[in-house]
Amino acid sequence: MDTQELKKAGLKATLPRLRILEILDKSRDRHLSAEDVYKALIEAGEDVGLATIYRVLTQFESAGLVQRHNFDGGHAVFEMAQDEHHDHMVRTDTGEVIEFYDEEIERRQREVVAAHGFELQDHSLVLYVKPRRSEAP
């Protein structure tokens, strides 16, 4: 993701936008909150306020560059928009977000929608999980 991607999305390539985009694009953790982005910028010696980060993330979402997820627990996380669909599992003990794709689940969802006389336009599946007792640390 670079200056051209921002311009294509109708956004000026300002330094804060470029830095926030870089953090989202290069982070090992693909689901970051605004606070996570803020901490990463502070650690990198950047002087960008939290209000600016929220504003930029909202602009990125409107432009289709990122997706916002509001998982239980009340805080939003953002990930770079992707062409391929995936669903999420959220660990209730740590908040870790795990991506997965299962063709059988996708097929069954389409069947259920069709059986009710509808056409599926989009969906979001989030499973809230915890380790089995035998696998807990």
Protein backbone atom coordinates (compact mmCIF):
# COMPACT_ATOMS: atom_id res chain seq x y z
CA MET A 1 0.00 0.00 0.00
CA ASP A 2 1.44 3.36 -0.94
CA THR A 3 0.78 6.91 -2.11
CA GLN A 4 -0.90 5.68 -5.31
CA GLU A 5 -3.38 3.56 -3.33
CA LEU A 6 -4.33 6.58 -1.23
CA LYS A 7 -4.80 8.76 -4.30
CA LYS A 8 -6.89 6.05 -5.98
CA ALA A 9 -9.09 6.04 -2.87
CA GLY A 10 -9.51 9.81 -3.17
CA LEU A 11 -7.28 10.67 -0.21
CA LYS A 12 -4.28 12.97 -0.13
CA ALA A 13 -1.03 11.26 0.78
CA THR A 14 -0.29 13.03 4.06
CA LEU A 15 2.46 11.81 6.36
CA PRO A 16 0.05 10.64 9.10
CA ARG A 17 -2.02 8.70 6.56
CA LEU A 18 1.06 7.09 5.07
CA ARG A 19 2.45 6.11 8.50
CA ILE A 20 -0.89 4.67 9.69
CA LEU A 21 -1.30 2.75 6.44
CA GLU A 22 2.24 1.38 6.77
CA ILE A 23 1.59 0.19 10.33
CA LEU A 24 -1.63 -1.55 9.33
CA ASP A 25 -0.01 -3.12 6.27
CA LYS A 26 3.18 -4.35 7.94
CA SER A 27 1.97 -5.37 11.40
CA ARG A 28 2.28 -9.03 12.38
CA ASP A 29 -1.07 -8.63 14.15
CA ARG A 30 -3.58 -8.11 11.34
CA HIS A 31 -6.31 -6.71 13.63
CA LEU A 32 -5.28 -3.46 15.31
CA SER A 33 -7.24 -1.00 17.42
CA ALA A 34 -6.69 2.74 17.09
CA GLU A 35 -4.81 2.53 20.38
CA ASP A 36 -2.52 -0.19 18.95
CA VAL A 37 -1.72 2.07 15.99
CA TYR A 38 -1.10 4.98 18.38
CA LYS A 39 1.34 2.91 20.48
CA ALA A 40 3.20 1.78 17.35
CA LEU A 41 3.53 5.38 16.16
CA ILE A 42 4.77 6.56 19.57
CA GLU A 43 7.33 3.72 19.64
CA ALA A 44 8.50 4.80 16.17
CA GLY A 45 8.96 8.38 17.40
CA GLU A 46 6.02 9.75 15.43
CA ASP A 47 3.93 12.61 16.85
CA VAL A 48 0.39 11.76 15.76
CA GLY A 49 -2.55 12.25 18.10
CA LEU A 50 -5.13 9.60 18.86
CA ALA A 51 -7.93 11.79 17.44
CA THR A 52 -6.04 11.96 14.12
CA ILE A 53 -5.68 8.18 14.10
CA TYR A 54 -9.41 7.68 14.65
CA ARG A 55 -10.20 10.20 11.90
CA VAL A 56 -7.77 8.57 9.43
CA LEU A 57 -9.04 5.05 10.19
CA THR A 58 -12.62 6.21 9.56
CA GLN A 59 -11.49 7.78 6.27
CA PHE A 60 -9.72 4.53 5.31
CA GLU A 61 -12.85 2.56 6.13
CA SER A 62 -15.04 4.88 4.01
CA ALA A 63 -12.56 4.56 1.14
CA GLY A 64 -12.59 0.75 1.36
CA LEU A 65 -8.93 0.46 2.38
CA VAL A 66 -9.64 -1.11 5.77
CA GLN A 67 -12.42 -3.07 7.41
CA ARG A 68 -13.67 -2.28 10.91
CA HIS A 69 -14.75 -5.11 13.20
CA ASN A 70 -16.66 -4.50 16.40
CA PHE A 71 -16.14 -7.70 18.33
CA ASP A 72 -17.74 -8.19 21.76
CA GLY A 73 -15.87 -6.29 24.40
CA GLY A 74 -16.75 -2.93 22.92
CA HIS A 75 -13.64 -1.88 21.05
CA ALA A 76 -13.17 -1.74 17.30
CA VAL A 77 -10.26 -3.30 15.46
CA PHE A 78 -9.18 -2.63 11.90
CA GLU A 79 -7.63 -4.82 9.24
CA MET A 80 -6.51 -4.12 5.72
CA ALA A 81 -9.32 -4.81 3.24
CA GLN A 82 -8.86 -8.07 1.38
CA ASP A 83 -10.32 -9.58 -1.75
CA GLU A 84 -10.76 -13.03 -0.23
CA HIS A 85 -13.46 -13.61 2.39
CA HIS A 86 -12.66 -14.98 5.83
CA ASP A 87 -14.38 -15.32 9.18
CA HIS A 88 -13.05 -14.77 12.68
CA MET A 89 -12.63 -16.53 15.99
CA VAL A 90 -11.99 -14.35 19.03
CA ARG A 91 -10.37 -15.87 22.10
CA THR A 92 -12.39 -14.79 25.12
CA ASP A 93 -9.40 -15.20 27.45
CA THR A 94 -6.89 -13.10 25.49
CA GLY A 95 -8.84 -11.18 22.82
CA GLU A 96 -6.66 -12.73 20.10
CA VAL A 97 -8.37 -12.71 16.70
CA ILE A 98 -7.89 -15.79 14.52
CA GLU A 99 -8.91 -15.78 10.86
CA PHE A 100 -10.32 -18.87 9.19
CA TYR A 101 -12.18 -19.97 6.08
CA ASP A 102 -14.38 -23.05 5.80
CA GLU A 103 -16.12 -23.85 2.51
CA GLU A 104 -18.70 -26.08 4.24
CA ILE A 105 -19.80 -23.20 6.51
CA GLU A 106 -19.97 -20.87 3.51
CA ARG A 107 -22.05 -23.39 1.53
CA ARG A 108 -24.47 -23.97 4.42
CA GLN A 109 -25.00 -20.24 4.88
CA ARG A 110 -25.91 -19.85 1.21
CA GLU A 111 -28.32 -22.81 1.49
CA VAL A 112 -30.04 -21.40 4.59
CA VAL A 113 -30.45 -18.00 2.96
CA ALA A 114 -31.84 -19.55 -0.25
CA ALA A 115 -34.23 -21.78 1.74
CA HIS A 116 -35.71 -18.61 3.23
CA GLY A 117 -36.10 -17.05 -0.24
CA PHE A 118 -33.20 -14.63 -0.07
CA GLU A 119 -29.90 -14.01 -1.81
CA LEU A 120 -26.82 -13.58 0.36
CA GLN A 121 -25.13 -10.21 -0.14
CA ASP A 122 -22.57 -10.27 2.65
CA HIS A 123 -22.04 -11.74 6.08
CA SER A 124 -19.83 -11.69 9.10
CA LEU A 125 -19.28 -14.75 11.26
CA VAL A 126 -17.51 -14.40 14.59
CA LEU A 127 -16.99 -17.36 16.91
CA TYR A 128 -16.04 -16.60 20.51
CA VAL A 129 -13.75 -19.35 21.74
CA LYS A 130 -11.65 -20.47 24.68
CA PRO A 131 -9.04 -23.22 24.93
CA ARG A 132 -10.22 -26.64 25.98
CA ARG A 133 -9.37 -27.41 29.56
CA SER A 134 -6.75 -29.97 28.54
CA GLU A 135 -5.02 -27.33 26.35
CA ALA A 136 -5.12 -24.44 28.80
CA PRO A 137 -1.71 -23.28 30.08
